Amino acid sequence: MLCYNITMNNDNLVLNILKKNPKGLTAYEILNRIQKFKSIQPMTIYRSLKELKKTGKIHKSNKNKTFHQCNNADHKEHNAVLAVCDNCGVAEELKTTIFSKIIKPVKTKNKFSFKKFNLEITTNCKECS
């Protein structure tokens, strides 16, 4: 059973729930967990997720629409690279140095800038391989 201080602000509640879930959670899974001890509306969760994403504390997987805690300790804006298991959904944030070196110099016909990017790699984790 998870125990949370109900006086915590919503952003911290969401972040603490994500810290305990390496597979990540959807917005409604987060909502259901918080509603066990606090009355809260879906839009409140979405506002918290938006703020946490904006401040770099979480990342969103587009594959399974789950949110994950950022592994970058200082939460400075950075290019997120997530590896997501096709089978079980566990996700891990990877170091972006090598990906940045490969992607940033790419030239495109429409002159896209790759200074800021998010990359998601779907594969199988060690447990599922």
N, C-alpha and C. Protein backbone atom coordinates (compact mmCIF):
# COMPACT_ATOMS: atom_id res chain seq x y z
N MET A 1 0.85 -1.19 0.00
CA MET A 1 0.00 0.00 0.00
C MET A 1 0.88 1.23 0.00
N LEU A 2 0.60 2.14 -0.90
CA LEU A 2 1.36 3.38 -0.97
C LEU A 2 0.78 4.37 0.03
N CYS A 3 1.64 5.10 0.68
CA CYS A 3 1.19 6.09 1.65
C CYS A 3 1.71 7.46 1.21
N TYR A 4 0.83 8.43 1.14
CA TYR A 4 1.21 9.76 0.71
C TYR A 4 0.65 10.79 1.67
N ASN A 5 1.34 11.87 1.79
CA ASN A 5 0.88 12.99 2.59
C ASN A 5 -0.19 13.71 1.76
N ILE A 6 -1.44 13.71 2.24
CA ILE A 6 -2.52 14.28 1.43
C ILE A 6 -2.44 15.80 1.32
N THR A 7 -1.53 16.42 2.07
CA THR A 7 -1.36 17.86 1.93
C THR A 7 -0.34 18.20 0.85
N MET A 8 0.31 17.19 0.26
CA MET A 8 1.25 17.42 -0.85
C MET A 8 0.54 18.09 -2.00
N ASN A 9 1.28 18.90 -2.76
CA ASN A 9 0.64 19.46 -3.95
C ASN A 9 0.50 18.36 -5.01
N ASN A 10 -0.38 18.58 -5.95
CA ASN A 10 -0.71 17.54 -6.92
C ASN A 10 0.48 17.11 -7.77
N ASP A 11 1.35 18.06 -8.14
CA ASP A 11 2.52 17.71 -8.94
C ASP A 11 3.40 16.72 -8.18
N ASN A 12 3.61 16.96 -6.90
CA ASN A 12 4.45 16.05 -6.10
C ASN A 12 3.78 14.69 -5.91
N LEU A 13 2.46 14.67 -5.76
CA LEU A 13 1.75 13.40 -5.66
C LEU A 13 1.96 12.57 -6.93
N VAL A 14 1.78 13.21 -8.07
CA VAL A 14 1.96 12.52 -9.35
C VAL A 14 3.39 12.02 -9.49
N LEU A 15 4.35 12.86 -9.19
CA LEU A 15 5.75 12.48 -9.32
C LEU A 15 6.10 11.32 -8.39
N ASN A 16 5.61 11.34 -7.16
CA ASN A 16 5.89 10.26 -6.22
C ASN A 16 5.29 8.94 -6.67
N ILE A 17 4.12 8.99 -7.29
CA ILE A 17 3.51 7.77 -7.81
C ILE A 17 4.34 7.23 -8.98
N LEU A 18 4.79 8.11 -9.86
CA LEU A 18 5.60 7.66 -11.00
C LEU A 18 6.94 7.09 -10.56
N LYS A 19 7.51 7.60 -9.48
CA LYS A 19 8.80 7.10 -8.98
C LYS A 19 8.72 5.62 -8.65
N LYS A 20 7.55 5.17 -8.24
CA LYS A 20 7.38 3.79 -7.80
C LYS A 20 6.91 2.85 -8.91
N ASN A 21 6.86 3.32 -10.14
CA ASN A 21 6.34 2.52 -11.24
C ASN A 21 7.24 2.57 -12.46
N PRO A 22 8.20 1.65 -12.57
CA PRO A 22 9.14 1.66 -13.69
C PRO A 22 8.48 1.42 -15.05
N LYS A 23 7.31 0.80 -15.07
CA LYS A 23 6.62 0.60 -16.34
C LYS A 23 5.90 1.86 -16.78
N GLY A 24 5.85 2.86 -15.91
CA GLY A 24 5.12 4.06 -16.22
C GLY A 24 3.64 3.86 -16.02
N LEU A 25 2.91 4.94 -16.04
CA LEU A 25 1.46 4.89 -15.84
C LEU A 25 0.78 5.86 -16.80
N THR A 26 -0.43 5.51 -17.20
CA THR A 26 -1.23 6.43 -17.99
C THR A 26 -1.82 7.47 -17.04
N ALA A 27 -2.38 8.51 -17.61
CA ALA A 27 -2.99 9.56 -16.78
C ALA A 27 -4.12 8.98 -15.91
N TYR A 28 -4.91 8.09 -16.47
CA TYR A 28 -6.02 7.53 -15.69
C TYR A 28 -5.55 6.54 -14.64
N GLU A 29 -4.45 5.86 -14.87
CA GLU A 29 -3.89 5.00 -13.82
C GLU A 29 -3.38 5.84 -12.65
N ILE A 30 -2.78 6.97 -12.97
CA ILE A 30 -2.33 7.90 -11.92
C ILE A 30 -3.54 8.42 -11.16
N LEU A 31 -4.57 8.83 -11.89
CA LEU A 31 -5.80 9.33 -11.28
C LEU A 31 -6.39 8.30 -10.32
N ASN A 32 -6.50 7.06 -10.76
CA ASN A 32 -7.07 6.00 -9.92
C ASN A 32 -6.27 5.80 -8.63
N ARG A 33 -4.97 5.89 -8.71
CA ARG A 33 -4.14 5.71 -7.51
C ARG A 33 -4.31 6.87 -6.53
N ILE A 34 -4.40 8.08 -7.05
CA ILE A 34 -4.55 9.24 -6.17
C ILE A 34 -5.96 9.26 -5.57
N GLN A 35 -6.96 8.86 -6.34
CA GLN A 35 -8.34 8.89 -5.85
C GLN A 35 -8.58 7.92 -4.69
N LYS A 36 -7.65 7.03 -4.45
CA LYS A 36 -7.79 6.11 -3.30
C LYS A 36 -7.68 6.85 -1.97
N PHE A 37 -7.04 8.03 -1.99
CA PHE A 37 -6.88 8.78 -0.75
C PHE A 37 -7.19 10.27 -0.89
N LYS A 38 -7.51 10.73 -2.09
CA LYS A 38 -7.80 12.15 -2.28
C LYS A 38 -8.79 12.32 -3.43
N SER A 39 -9.79 13.13 -3.24
CA SER A 39 -10.75 13.42 -4.29
C SER A 39 -10.10 14.39 -5.28
N ILE A 40 -10.01 13.96 -6.53
CA ILE A 40 -9.31 14.75 -7.53
C ILE A 40 -9.94 14.50 -8.90
N GLN A 41 -9.95 15.49 -9.75
CA GLN A 41 -10.56 15.40 -11.08
C GLN A 41 -9.50 15.09 -12.14
N PRO A 42 -9.91 14.47 -13.25
CA PRO A 42 -8.95 14.16 -14.32
C PRO A 42 -8.17 15.36 -14.84
N MET A 43 -8.83 16.51 -14.99
CA MET A 43 -8.12 17.69 -15.51
C MET A 43 -6.98 18.12 -14.58
N THR A 44 -7.14 17.89 -13.29
CA THR A 44 -6.08 18.22 -12.33
C THR A 44 -4.85 17.37 -12.61
N ILE A 45 -5.06 16.11 -12.91
CA ILE A 45 -3.95 15.20 -13.25
C ILE A 45 -3.28 15.67 -14.53
N TYR A 46 -4.08 16.00 -15.54
CA TYR A 46 -3.52 16.45 -16.81
C TYR A 46 -2.72 17.75 -16.65
N ARG A 47 -3.20 18.65 -15.80
CA ARG A 47 -2.45 19.89 -15.54
C ARG A 47 -1.12 19.57 -14.87
N SER A 48 -1.13 18.67 -13.91
CA SER A 48 0.11 18.29 -13.23
C SER A 48 1.08 17.62 -14.20
N LEU A 49 0.57 16.72 -15.03
CA LEU A 49 1.43 16.06 -16.02
C LEU A 49 2.03 17.06 -16.99
N LYS A 50 1.22 18.02 -17.42
CA LYS A 50 1.72 19.05 -18.34
C LYS A 50 2.84 19.86 -17.68
N GLU A 51 2.65 20.25 -16.44
CA GLU A 51 3.66 21.03 -15.72
C GLU A 51 4.94 20.21 -15.48
N LEU A 52 4.79 18.96 -15.07
CA LEU A 52 5.95 18.11 -14.82
C LEU A 52 6.72 17.84 -16.11
N LYS A 53 6.00 17.69 -17.22
CA LYS A 53 6.66 17.48 -18.51
C LYS A 53 7.40 18.76 -18.93
N LYS A 54 6.75 19.90 -18.72
CA LYS A 54 7.34 21.19 -19.08
C LYS A 54 8.62 21.46 -18.29
N THR A 55 8.65 21.07 -17.02
CA THR A 55 9.82 21.29 -16.18
C THR A 55 10.86 20.18 -16.31
N GLY A 56 10.59 19.18 -17.17
CA GLY A 56 11.57 18.13 -17.43
C GLY A 56 11.63 17.05 -16.38
N LYS A 57 10.64 16.96 -15.52
CA LYS A 57 10.67 15.95 -14.45
C LYS A 57 10.09 14.61 -14.90
N ILE A 58 9.32 14.63 -15.98
CA ILE A 58 8.77 13.39 -16.52
C ILE A 58 8.87 13.41 -18.05
N HIS A 59 8.72 12.22 -18.63
CA HIS A 59 8.67 12.06 -20.09
C HIS A 59 7.46 11.20 -20.41
N LYS A 60 6.95 11.35 -21.62
CA LYS A 60 5.80 10.57 -22.05
C LYS A 60 6.20 9.62 -23.17
N SER A 61 5.80 8.37 -23.01
CA SER A 61 6.00 7.37 -24.06
C SER A 61 4.81 7.44 -25.01
N ASN A 62 5.08 7.63 -26.27
CA ASN A 62 3.99 7.67 -27.25
C ASN A 62 3.50 6.28 -27.62
N LYS A 63 4.32 5.27 -27.42
CA LYS A 63 3.94 3.90 -27.74
C LYS A 63 2.76 3.43 -26.90
N ASN A 64 2.88 3.60 -25.58
CA ASN A 64 1.82 3.11 -24.72
C ASN A 64 1.15 4.21 -23.89
N LYS A 65 1.40 5.47 -24.26
CA LYS A 65 0.77 6.64 -23.62
C LYS A 65 1.00 6.69 -22.11
N THR A 66 2.17 6.23 -21.69
CA THR A 66 2.51 6.25 -20.27
C THR A 66 3.50 7.36 -19.96
N PHE A 67 3.50 7.77 -18.71
CA PHE A 67 4.41 8.80 -18.23
C PHE A 67 5.46 8.14 -17.36
N HIS A 68 6.70 8.66 -17.43
CA HIS A 68 7.83 8.09 -16.71
C HIS A 68 8.62 9.21 -16.05
N GLN A 69 9.15 8.91 -14.88
CA GLN A 69 9.99 9.88 -14.19
C GLN A 69 11.29 10.06 -14.96
N CYS A 70 11.77 11.29 -15.04
CA CYS A 70 13.03 11.60 -15.69
C CYS A 70 14.19 11.11 -14.83
N ASN A 71 15.19 10.51 -15.47
CA ASN A 71 16.38 10.04 -14.76
C ASN A 71 17.46 11.09 -14.64
N ASN A 72 17.29 12.21 -15.34
CA ASN A 72 18.28 13.28 -15.31
C ASN A 72 18.13 14.02 -13.98
N ALA A 73 19.11 13.91 -13.12
CA ALA A 73 19.01 14.41 -11.74
C ALA A 73 18.69 15.90 -11.65
N ASP A 74 19.26 16.72 -12.52
CA ASP A 74 19.04 18.16 -12.38
C ASP A 74 17.82 18.65 -13.17
N HIS A 75 17.18 17.76 -13.92
CA HIS A 75 15.96 18.06 -14.66
C HIS A 75 16.08 19.24 -15.62
N LYS A 76 17.30 19.56 -16.01
CA LYS A 76 17.45 20.60 -17.03
C LYS A 76 16.88 20.06 -18.32
N GLU A 77 16.44 20.99 -19.15
CA GLU A 77 15.88 20.58 -20.43
C GLU A 77 16.91 19.78 -21.21
N HIS A 78 16.51 18.64 -21.68
CA HIS A 78 17.42 17.79 -22.44
C HIS A 78 16.61 16.96 -23.43
N ASN A 79 17.31 16.36 -24.36
CA ASN A 79 16.67 15.49 -25.33
C ASN A 79 16.42 14.14 -24.67
N ALA A 80 15.17 13.73 -24.62
CA ALA A 80 14.81 12.48 -23.97
C ALA A 80 14.89 11.33 -24.96
N VAL A 81 15.51 10.24 -24.52
CA VAL A 81 15.55 9.01 -25.29
C VAL A 81 15.05 7.90 -24.38
N LEU A 82 13.90 7.30 -24.74
CA LEU A 82 13.32 6.22 -23.96
C LEU A 82 13.41 4.92 -24.72
N ALA A 83 13.82 3.86 -24.02
CA ALA A 83 13.75 2.50 -24.55
C ALA A 83 12.52 1.87 -23.89
N VAL A 84 11.60 1.36 -24.71
CA VAL A 84 10.35 0.80 -24.20
C VAL A 84 10.21 -0.63 -24.68
N CYS A 85 9.93 -1.54 -23.72
CA CYS A 85 9.77 -2.96 -24.06
C CYS A 85 8.43 -3.18 -24.76
N ASP A 86 8.49 -3.85 -25.91
CA ASP A 86 7.27 -4.17 -26.67
C ASP A 86 6.34 -5.11 -25.92
N ASN A 87 6.91 -5.98 -25.09
CA ASN A 87 6.10 -6.99 -24.41
C ASN A 87 5.50 -6.49 -23.10
N CYS A 88 6.35 -6.06 -22.17
CA CYS A 88 5.86 -5.74 -20.83
C CYS A 88 5.66 -4.25 -20.58
N GLY A 89 6.19 -3.39 -21.45
CA GLY A 89 5.98 -1.96 -21.31
C GLY A 89 6.96 -1.23 -20.41
N VAL A 90 7.89 -1.94 -19.78
CA VAL A 90 8.87 -1.26 -18.94
C VAL A 90 9.68 -0.30 -19.80
N ALA A 91 10.00 0.85 -19.24
CA ALA A 91 10.73 1.86 -20.00
C ALA A 91 11.94 2.32 -19.21
N GLU A 92 12.97 2.73 -19.94
CA GLU A 92 14.18 3.24 -19.31
C GLU A 92 14.67 4.43 -20.12
N GLU A 93 15.02 5.49 -19.41
CA GLU A 93 15.59 6.65 -20.09
C GLU A 93 17.07 6.39 -20.32
N LEU A 94 17.51 6.58 -21.55
CA LEU A 94 18.90 6.32 -21.91
C LEU A 94 19.70 7.63 -21.92
N LYS A 95 21.00 7.51 -21.79
CA LYS A 95 21.86 8.69 -21.91
C LYS A 95 21.80 9.16 -23.36
N THR A 96 21.70 10.45 -23.53
CA THR A 96 21.42 10.98 -24.87
C THR A 96 22.65 11.41 -25.66
N THR A 97 23.82 11.38 -25.07
CA THR A 97 25.01 11.91 -25.73
C THR A 97 25.23 11.33 -27.12
N ILE A 98 25.23 10.02 -27.23
CA ILE A 98 25.50 9.40 -28.53
C ILE A 98 24.38 9.70 -29.53
N PHE A 99 23.13 9.71 -29.06
CA PHE A 99 22.02 10.00 -29.95
C PHE A 99 22.08 11.44 -30.45
N SER A 100 22.45 12.36 -29.58
CA SER A 100 22.58 13.77 -29.97
C SER A 100 23.64 13.94 -31.04
N LYS A 101 24.76 13.24 -30.89
CA LYS A 101 25.84 13.34 -31.89
C LYS A 101 25.40 12.83 -33.25
N ILE A 102 24.52 11.83 -33.25
CA ILE A 102 24.07 11.25 -34.52
C ILE A 102 22.95 12.09 -35.14
N ILE A 103 22.00 12.53 -34.33
CA ILE A 103 20.79 13.17 -34.86
C ILE A 103 20.95 14.66 -35.16
N LYS A 104 21.66 15.40 -34.32
CA LYS A 104 21.75 16.85 -34.50
C LYS A 104 22.28 17.28 -35.87
N PRO A 105 23.28 16.61 -36.44
CA PRO A 105 23.78 17.08 -37.74
C PRO A 105 22.95 16.64 -38.95
N VAL A 106 21.88 15.88 -38.75
CA VAL A 106 21.08 15.40 -39.88
C VAL A 106 20.48 16.59 -40.65
N LYS A 107 20.61 16.53 -41.94
CA LYS A 107 20.04 17.56 -42.82
C LYS A 107 18.79 16.99 -43.48
N THR A 108 17.75 17.81 -43.56
CA THR A 108 16.52 17.36 -44.19
C THR A 108 16.10 18.35 -45.27
N LYS A 109 15.23 17.86 -46.15
CA LYS A 109 14.73 18.69 -47.23
C LYS A 109 13.93 19.88 -46.69
N ASN A 110 13.21 19.67 -45.58
CA ASN A 110 12.38 20.74 -45.00
C ASN A 110 13.10 21.51 -43.90
N LYS A 111 14.39 21.31 -43.79
CA LYS A 111 15.23 22.05 -42.84
C LYS A 111 14.76 21.94 -41.39
N PHE A 112 14.45 20.70 -40.97
CA PHE A 112 14.10 20.47 -39.58
C PHE A 112 15.33 20.69 -38.71
N SER A 113 15.10 21.21 -37.54
CA SER A 113 16.17 21.38 -36.57
C SER A 113 16.10 20.25 -35.56
N PHE A 114 17.21 19.60 -35.32
CA PHE A 114 17.25 18.50 -34.36
C PHE A 114 18.01 18.88 -33.09
N LYS A 115 18.05 20.17 -32.79
CA LYS A 115 18.69 20.59 -31.54
C LYS A 115 17.91 20.07 -30.34
N LYS A 116 16.59 20.04 -30.48
CA LYS A 116 15.74 19.51 -29.42
C LYS A 116 14.90 18.38 -30.02
N PHE A 117 14.98 17.20 -29.43
CA PHE A 117 14.23 16.07 -29.94
C PHE A 117 13.88 15.11 -28.81
N ASN A 118 12.87 14.29 -29.08
CA ASN A 118 12.52 13.17 -28.21
C ASN A 118 12.55 11.93 -29.08
N LEU A 119 13.15 10.88 -28.56
CA LEU A 119 13.30 9.65 -29.32
C LEU A 119 12.81 8.49 -28.47
N GLU A 120 12.06 7.60 -29.10
CA GLU A 120 11.55 6.43 -28.40
C GLU A 120 11.95 5.20 -29.20
N ILE A 121 12.60 4.27 -28.52
CA ILE A 121 13.07 3.04 -29.16
C ILE A 121 12.27 1.89 -28.58
N THR A 122 11.59 1.15 -29.44
CA THR A 122 10.85 -0.02 -28.96
C THR A 122 11.68 -1.26 -29.22
N THR A 123 11.80 -2.06 -28.19
CA THR A 123 12.62 -3.26 -28.24
C THR A 123 12.11 -4.22 -27.17
N ASN A 124 12.88 -5.22 -26.82
CA ASN A 124 12.51 -6.12 -25.71
C ASN A 124 13.51 -5.96 -24.58
N CYS A 125 13.00 -5.91 -23.36
CA CYS A 125 13.87 -5.81 -22.19
C CYS A 125 14.54 -7.17 -21.93
N LYS A 126 15.48 -7.18 -21.01
CA LYS A 126 16.20 -8.39 -20.66
C LYS A 126 15.26 -9.50 -20.18
N GLU A 127 14.25 -9.12 -19.40
CA GLU A 127 13.29 -10.10 -18.86
C GLU A 127 12.46 -10.77 -19.97
N CYS A 128 12.14 -10.02 -21.01
CA CYS A 128 11.26 -10.53 -22.06
C CYS A 128 12.02 -11.13 -23.25
N SER A 129 13.32 -10.94 -23.30
CA SER A 129 14.10 -11.46 -24.45
C SER A 129 14.18 -12.96 -24.44
